[in-house]
């Protein structure tokens, strides 16, 4: 393994690009198996449907972000860990959710119960993270633990709403269970194999991304905010497109909101517990305002219209294109 990583790091940039593409492909497929086996195991254990529908699926689809960010923190690449978490939120709203609306044949009804809880916690957690990072340009262990505590409170509120019946009024969890959970034999071996595939491919994503950043003479956070964030968001993007085509875009909205909450509190929080996440001022004061603009536009559209239309999807996608264009202007390669 050391010889392989050494070859990638010291070889031509083309090798790193090829490795990244292959690693993303393996990561997407492993994450797909992880989702199906995790849900199937949860059903066998008679886990409540709300955990499967809102928590477990979102956790499974953010597994790539979690593994890549934690692996980055372990390897001493904190810029990539935090950049991947924030970049994934931007990508989920500006690309995954945008495509969900653009490809849907009819406007998608918004799940008011999910939006009220997830939207409020999501915006509050994003502001809290920004306040932590602004203080000293880093997210340390205690701040990460605070985010994890907020995430636990979020889960508690979700469970409370589920018990009161508010979530069931807005979300057909039986449909989600039928669509996502498929009977599989040898669940545990497949689950462990998928988890191993995610971990291994995540390591190669980090190694190749760091190598690309060095050859392009750009900060690692820049690669994390774009290439890595896009690659690790493949499960959310794929889920959104499939949901829109099947007429279940409302489930995708709930999944994306939950995934964004997990990216901020779970992915960034867990990574900072492993190793403090430090970023430069330029990266911080670009990526956080960009996230607030796209996230704010998403929540305003969802709340004000109580539905998500094709026009709304095009609007979010336009904001994502503007974000990428601004990114290229701010972070021009120096060599």
Protein backbone atom coordinates (compact mmCIF):
# COMPACT_ATOMS: atom_id res chain seq x y z
CA UNK A 1 0.00 0.00 0.00
CA UNK A 2 2.85 2.40 0.83
CA UNK A 3 4.47 1.73 -2.53
CA UNK A 4 1.21 2.48 -4.34
CA UNK A 5 0.59 5.73 -2.49
CA UNK A 6 4.20 6.77 -3.06
CA UNK A 7 3.83 6.12 -6.79
CA UNK A 8 0.69 8.27 -6.94
CA UNK A 9 2.25 11.12 -4.98
CA UNK A 10 5.52 11.16 -6.94
CA UNK A 11 4.16 10.22 -10.37
CA UNK A 12 2.70 12.42 -13.13
CA UNK A 13 -0.48 14.39 -12.45
CA UNK A 14 -2.31 12.23 -15.00
CA UNK A 15 -1.87 9.21 -12.71
CA UNK A 16 -3.52 11.10 -9.84
CA UNK A 17 -6.46 12.08 -12.07
CA UNK A 18 -6.97 8.48 -13.22
CA UNK A 19 -6.79 7.21 -9.64
CA UNK A 20 -9.32 9.82 -8.50
CA UNK A 21 -11.83 8.86 -11.22
CA UNK A 22 -11.49 5.15 -10.39
CA UNK A 23 -11.71 5.84 -6.65
CA UNK A 24 -14.90 7.90 -7.12
CA UNK A 25 -16.46 5.08 -9.18
CA UNK A 26 -15.64 2.52 -6.47
CA UNK A 27 -16.81 4.94 -3.79
CA UNK A 28 -20.20 5.44 -5.48
CA UNK A 29 -20.78 1.71 -5.96
CA UNK A 30 -19.64 0.83 -2.45
CA UNK A 31 -21.90 3.54 -1.02
CA UNK A 32 -24.82 2.10 -3.00
CA UNK A 33 -24.26 -1.36 -1.51
CA UNK A 34 -23.79 0.24 1.90
CA UNK A 35 -27.19 1.96 1.69
CA UNK A 36 -29.05 -1.18 0.67
CA UNK A 37 -27.44 -3.50 3.20
CA UNK A 38 -27.66 -0.97 6.05
CA UNK A 39 -31.38 -0.48 5.46
CA UNK A 40 -31.97 -4.23 5.10
CA UNK A 41 -30.13 -4.94 8.35
CA UNK A 42 -32.12 -2.20 10.10
CA UNK A 43 -35.35 -3.78 8.90
CA UNK A 44 -34.28 -7.21 10.13
CA UNK A 45 -33.56 -5.66 13.52
CA UNK A 46 -36.98 -3.94 13.44
CA UNK A 47 -35.52 -0.44 13.64
CA UNK A 48 -38.27 2.26 13.50
CA UNK A 49 -39.06 3.44 10.00
CA UNK A 50 -38.25 7.06 10.81
CA UNK A 51 -34.64 6.03 11.42
CA UNK A 52 -34.56 4.26 8.07
CA UNK A 53 -36.35 6.99 6.17
CA UNK A 54 -34.68 10.12 7.50
CA UNK A 55 -31.65 9.21 9.57
CA UNK A 56 -30.18 5.98 8.23
CA UNK A 57 -30.49 6.75 4.52
CA UNK A 58 -29.03 10.24 5.01
CA UNK A 59 -26.23 8.76 7.10
CA UNK A 60 -25.53 6.16 4.44
CA UNK A 61 -25.47 8.67 1.57
CA UNK A 62 -23.07 10.91 3.53
CA UNK A 63 -20.74 7.97 4.27
CA UNK A 64 -18.37 9.04 1.44
CA UNK A 65 -18.11 12.58 2.84
CA UNK A 66 -17.55 11.25 6.36
CA UNK A 67 -14.85 8.78 5.34
CA UNK A 68 -13.02 11.23 3.07
CA UNK A 69 -13.09 14.03 5.67
CA UNK A 70 -12.03 11.81 8.59
CA UNK A 71 -9.33 10.22 6.44
CA UNK A 72 -8.12 13.70 5.49
CA UNK A 73 -7.98 14.73 9.15
CA UNK A 74 -6.09 11.56 10.09
CA UNK A 75 -3.56 12.11 7.29
CA UNK A 76 -2.99 15.72 8.36
CA UNK A 77 -4.99 17.42 5.59
CA UNK A 78 -7.50 19.48 7.62
CA UNK A 79 -8.18 21.90 4.77
CA UNK A 80 -9.58 19.08 2.68
CA UNK A 81 -11.71 17.72 5.55
CA UNK A 82 -13.60 20.96 6.20
CA UNK A 83 -13.68 22.00 2.55
CA UNK A 84 -15.28 18.68 1.61
CA UNK A 85 -17.99 19.03 4.28
CA UNK A 86 -18.98 22.59 3.32
CA UNK A 87 -18.54 21.97 -0.41
CA UNK A 88 -20.86 18.98 -0.19
CA UNK A 89 -23.63 21.14 1.31
CA UNK A 90 -23.26 23.55 -1.61
CA UNK A 91 -23.26 20.69 -4.10
CA UNK A 92 -26.27 18.98 -2.51
CA UNK A 93 -28.41 22.13 -2.79
CA UNK A 94 -27.05 23.64 -6.00
CA UNK A 95 -26.71 20.41 -7.96
CA UNK A 96 -28.51 17.42 -6.38
CA UNK A 97 -31.67 19.26 -5.27
CA UNK A 98 -31.59 21.47 -8.37
CA UNK A 99 -31.58 18.44 -10.67
CA UNK A 100 -34.35 16.89 -8.60
CA UNK A 101 -36.58 19.90 -9.30
CA UNK A 102 -35.50 20.37 -12.91
CA UNK A 103 -36.12 16.73 -13.84
CA UNK A 104 -39.39 16.33 -11.97
CA UNK A 105 -42.47 16.22 -14.20
CA UNK A 106 -44.59 18.11 -11.65
CA UNK A 107 -43.92 20.46 -8.70
CA UNK A 108 -42.78 18.56 -5.61
CA UNK A 109 -44.80 18.96 -2.43
CA UNK A 110 -42.62 20.06 0.50
CA UNK A 111 -42.73 18.01 3.71
CA UNK A 112 -43.48 20.80 6.18
CA UNK A 113 -42.61 18.75 9.26
CA UNK A 114 -39.21 17.75 7.93
CA UNK A 115 -38.51 21.25 6.59
CA UNK A 116 -39.34 22.92 9.90
CA UNK A 117 -37.00 20.70 11.94
CA UNK A 118 -34.18 20.06 9.47
CA UNK A 119 -34.23 23.59 8.03
CA UNK A 120 -34.03 25.30 11.42
CA UNK A 121 -31.29 23.01 12.74
CA UNK A 122 -29.40 23.18 9.45
CA UNK A 123 -29.27 26.97 9.33
CA UNK A 124 -28.47 27.22 13.05
CA UNK A 125 -25.68 24.65 12.80
CA UNK A 126 -24.18 26.39 9.77
CA UNK A 127 -24.13 29.73 11.62
CA UNK A 128 -22.64 28.09 14.71
CA UNK A 129 -19.89 26.44 12.65
CA UNK A 130 -19.10 29.75 10.94
CA UNK A 131 -18.87 31.47 14.34
CA UNK A 132 -16.48 28.77 15.59
CA UNK A 133 -14.25 29.00 12.53
CA UNK A 134 -14.20 32.82 12.43
CA UNK A 135 -12.81 32.99 15.93
CA UNK A 136 -9.40 31.48 15.13
CA UNK A 137 -9.73 30.14 11.57
CA UNK A 138 -10.07 26.58 12.86
CA UNK A 139 -12.57 24.06 14.15
CA UNK A 140 -11.10 22.37 17.22
CA UNK A 141 -12.04 19.23 19.14
CA UNK A 142 -14.40 20.85 21.65
CA UNK A 143 -16.19 22.77 18.93
CA UNK A 144 -16.56 19.52 16.99
CA UNK A 145 -18.01 17.83 20.06
CA UNK A 146 -20.49 20.70 20.35
CA UNK A 147 -21.61 20.10 16.77
CA UNK A 148 -22.01 16.39 17.49
CA UNK A 149 -24.14 17.27 20.54
CA UNK A 150 -26.32 19.50 18.35
CA UNK A 151 -26.70 16.59 15.96
CA UNK A 152 -27.87 14.34 18.80
CA UNK A 153 -30.44 16.96 19.84
CA UNK A 154 -31.59 17.12 16.21
CA UNK A 155 -32.16 13.36 16.19
CA UNK A 156 -34.08 13.62 19.46
CA UNK A 157 -36.41 16.26 18.03
CA UNK A 158 -36.98 14.12 14.92
CA UNK A 159 -37.91 11.11 17.06
CA UNK A 160 -40.27 13.24 19.13
CA UNK A 161 -42.01 14.50 15.99
CA UNK A 162 -42.23 10.98 14.67
CA UNK A 163 -43.91 9.77 17.85
CA UNK A 164 -46.39 12.64 17.67
CA UNK A 165 -47.27 11.67 14.09
CA UNK A 166 -46.15 14.94 12.48
CA UNK A 167 -43.59 13.29 10.21
CA UNK A 168 -45.97 10.56 9.11
CA UNK A 169 -48.38 13.23 7.88
CA UNK A 170 -45.78 14.49 5.44
CA UNK A 171 -43.73 11.48 4.48
CA UNK A 172 -44.67 8.07 3.19
CA UNK A 173 -42.01 6.02 4.90
CA UNK A 174 -43.53 2.76 3.73
CA UNK A 175 -42.85 3.80 0.15
CA UNK A 176 -39.28 4.68 1.01
CA UNK A 177 -38.78 1.35 2.71
CA UNK A 178 -40.04 -0.49 -0.37
CA UNK A 179 -37.86 1.55 -2.74
CA UNK A 180 -34.59 1.49 -0.83
CA UNK A 181 -34.57 -1.70 1.23
CA UNK A 182 -34.21 -4.77 -0.95
CA UNK A 183 -33.94 -8.29 0.44
CA UNK A 184 -30.31 -9.45 0.31
CA UNK A 185 -28.62 -12.63 1.45
CA UNK A 186 -25.36 -12.53 3.35
CA UNK A 187 -26.10 -9.03 4.59
CA UNK A 188 -23.27 -8.69 7.08
CA UNK A 189 -20.45 -9.78 4.72
CA UNK A 190 -21.72 -7.47 1.99
CA UNK A 191 -22.09 -4.66 4.52
CA UNK A 192 -18.51 -5.08 5.72
CA UNK A 193 -17.23 -5.38 2.14
CA UNK A 194 -19.04 -2.18 1.15
CA UNK A 195 -17.68 -0.38 4.21
CA UNK A 196 -14.17 -1.56 3.36
CA UNK A 197 -14.64 -0.31 -0.20
CA UNK A 198 -15.70 3.09 1.06
CA UNK A 199 -12.72 3.38 3.40
CA UNK A 200 -10.18 2.20 0.82
CA UNK A 201 -11.51 4.33 -2.03
CA UNK A 202 -11.75 7.35 0.31
CA UNK A 203 -8.07 7.02 1.09
CA UNK A 204 -7.19 7.07 -2.60
CA UNK A 205 -9.49 10.05 -3.17
CA UNK A 206 -7.59 12.00 -0.52
CA UNK A 207 -4.15 10.96 -1.81
CA UNK A 208 -4.94 11.76 -5.44
CA UNK A 209 -6.67 15.06 -4.54
CA UNK A 210 -3.68 16.24 -2.50
CA UNK A 211 -1.37 15.34 -5.39
CA UNK A 212 -3.55 17.23 -7.89
CA UNK A 213 -3.63 20.28 -5.62
CA UNK A 214 0.15 20.31 -5.41
CA UNK A 215 0.69 19.91 -9.16
CA UNK A 216 -1.79 22.72 -9.86
CA UNK A 217 -0.25 24.92 -7.14
CA UNK A 218 -3.64 25.55 -5.50
CA UNK A 219 -4.69 25.07 -1.86
CA UNK A 220 -6.00 21.63 -0.93
CA UNK A 221 -9.21 23.27 0.26
CA UNK A 222 -9.86 24.42 -3.31
CA UNK A 223 -9.77 20.86 -4.62
CA UNK A 224 -11.92 19.74 -1.68
CA UNK A 225 -14.57 22.40 -2.33
CA UNK A 226 -14.91 21.38 -5.98
CA UNK A 227 -13.68 17.97 -7.16
CA UNK A 228 -13.82 16.09 -3.85
CA UNK A 229 -17.16 17.62 -2.78
CA UNK A 230 -18.69 16.75 -6.14
CA UNK A 231 -17.33 13.20 -6.07
CA UNK A 232 -18.47 12.43 -2.54
CA UNK A 233 -21.92 13.90 -3.29
CA UNK A 234 -22.53 11.34 -6.05
CA UNK A 235 -24.95 9.30 -3.85
CA UNK A 236 -27.12 12.36 -3.16
CA UNK A 237 -27.07 13.43 -6.82
CA UNK A 238 -27.94 9.92 -8.02
CA UNK A 239 -30.68 9.54 -5.39
CA UNK A 240 -32.23 12.88 -6.38
CA UNK A 241 -32.33 12.02 -10.08
CA UNK A 242 -33.81 8.56 -9.45
CA UNK A 243 -36.36 9.96 -6.99
CA UNK A 244 -37.45 12.65 -9.47
CA UNK A 245 -37.90 10.11 -12.27
CA UNK A 246 -39.93 7.80 -10.00
CA UNK A 247 -42.12 10.62 -8.77
CA UNK A 248 -40.75 10.59 -5.22
CA UNK A 249 -38.96 13.93 -5.21
CA UNK A 250 -40.40 14.76 -1.79
CA UNK A 251 -38.35 11.94 -0.28
CA UNK A 252 -35.24 13.32 -1.94
CA UNK A 253 -35.78 16.76 -0.40
CA UNK A 254 -35.96 15.23 3.07
CA UNK A 255 -32.87 13.15 2.38
CA UNK A 256 -30.85 16.13 1.12
CA UNK A 257 -31.81 18.31 4.09
CA UNK A 258 -30.81 15.49 6.45
CA UNK A 259 -27.58 14.88 4.53
CA UNK A 260 -26.65 18.57 4.76
CA UNK A 261 -27.27 18.53 8.50
CA UNK A 262 -24.99 15.52 8.78
CA UNK A 263 -22.30 17.14 6.63
CA UNK A 264 -22.07 20.12 8.96
CA UNK A 265 -22.53 18.45 12.36
CA UNK A 266 -21.53 14.84 11.76
CA UNK A 267 -18.83 15.05 9.05
CA UNK A 268 -17.16 18.31 10.11
CA UNK A 269 -17.73 17.60 13.81
CA UNK A 270 -16.30 14.07 13.77
CA UNK A 271 -13.33 15.15 11.63
CA UNK A 272 -12.44 17.99 14.00
CA UNK A 273 -12.51 15.57 16.94
CA UNK A 274 -9.85 13.51 15.16
CA UNK A 275 -7.74 16.56 14.29
CA UNK A 276 -8.39 20.31 14.46
CA UNK A 277 -9.52 21.62 11.08
CA UNK A 278 -7.64 24.76 10.04
CA UNK A 279 -8.32 26.90 6.97
CA UNK A 280 -7.03 30.15 5.52
CA UNK A 281 -9.09 33.32 5.82
CA UNK A 282 -9.65 33.53 2.06
CA UNK A 283 -11.14 30.03 1.91
CA UNK A 284 -13.33 30.56 4.99
CA UNK A 285 -14.76 33.90 3.87
CA UNK A 286 -15.52 32.53 0.43
CA UNK A 287 -17.00 29.10 1.09
CA UNK A 288 -19.19 29.98 4.08
CA UNK A 289 -20.92 33.01 2.45
CA UNK A 290 -21.37 30.92 -0.71
CA UNK A 291 -22.98 28.16 1.36
CA UNK A 292 -25.27 30.64 3.13
CA UNK A 293 -26.45 32.12 -0.19
CA UNK A 294 -27.33 28.76 -1.76
CA UNK A 295 -28.66 27.25 1.47
CA UNK A 296 -30.68 30.37 2.26
CA UNK A 297 -32.18 30.42 -1.23
CA UNK A 298 -33.10 26.75 -0.86
CA UNK A 299 -34.88 27.22 2.47
CA UNK A 300 -36.68 30.39 1.35
CA UNK A 301 -38.00 28.73 -1.80
CA UNK A 302 -39.12 25.61 0.05
CA UNK A 303 -40.82 27.51 2.87
CA UNK A 304 -42.48 30.32 0.92
CA UNK A 305 -44.03 28.21 -1.84
CA UNK A 306 -44.63 24.91 -0.01
CA UNK A 307 -43.51 23.17 -3.19
CA UNK A 308 -40.39 22.78 -5.29
CA UNK A 309 -40.85 23.36 -9.01
CA UNK A 310 -38.70 23.08 -12.12
CA UNK A 311 -38.17 26.84 -12.02
CA UNK A 312 -36.85 26.57 -8.47
CA UNK A 313 -34.44 23.83 -9.52
CA UNK A 314 -33.15 25.97 -12.39
CA UNK A 315 -32.70 28.88 -9.97
CA UNK A 316 -30.57 26.79 -7.60
CA UNK A 317 -28.56 25.39 -10.49
CA UNK A 318 -27.90 28.94 -11.75
CA UNK A 319 -26.62 29.90 -8.29
CA UNK A 320 -24.34 26.84 -8.38
CA UNK A 321 -22.92 27.91 -11.76
CA UNK A 322 -22.33 31.42 -10.40
CA UNK A 323 -20.58 29.85 -7.40
CA UNK A 324 -18.26 27.85 -9.67
CA UNK A 325 -17.52 30.90 -11.83
CA UNK A 326 -16.75 33.00 -8.75
CA UNK A 327 -14.60 30.18 -7.46
CA UNK A 328 -12.46 30.23 -10.60
CA UNK A 329 -11.99 33.98 -10.27
CA UNK A 330 -11.04 33.91 -6.58
CA UNK A 331 -8.84 30.81 -6.65
CA UNK A 332 -6.86 31.08 -9.83
CA UNK A 333 -4.01 28.57 -10.15
CA UNK A 334 -0.66 30.22 -9.57
CA UNK A 335 1.29 27.80 -11.73
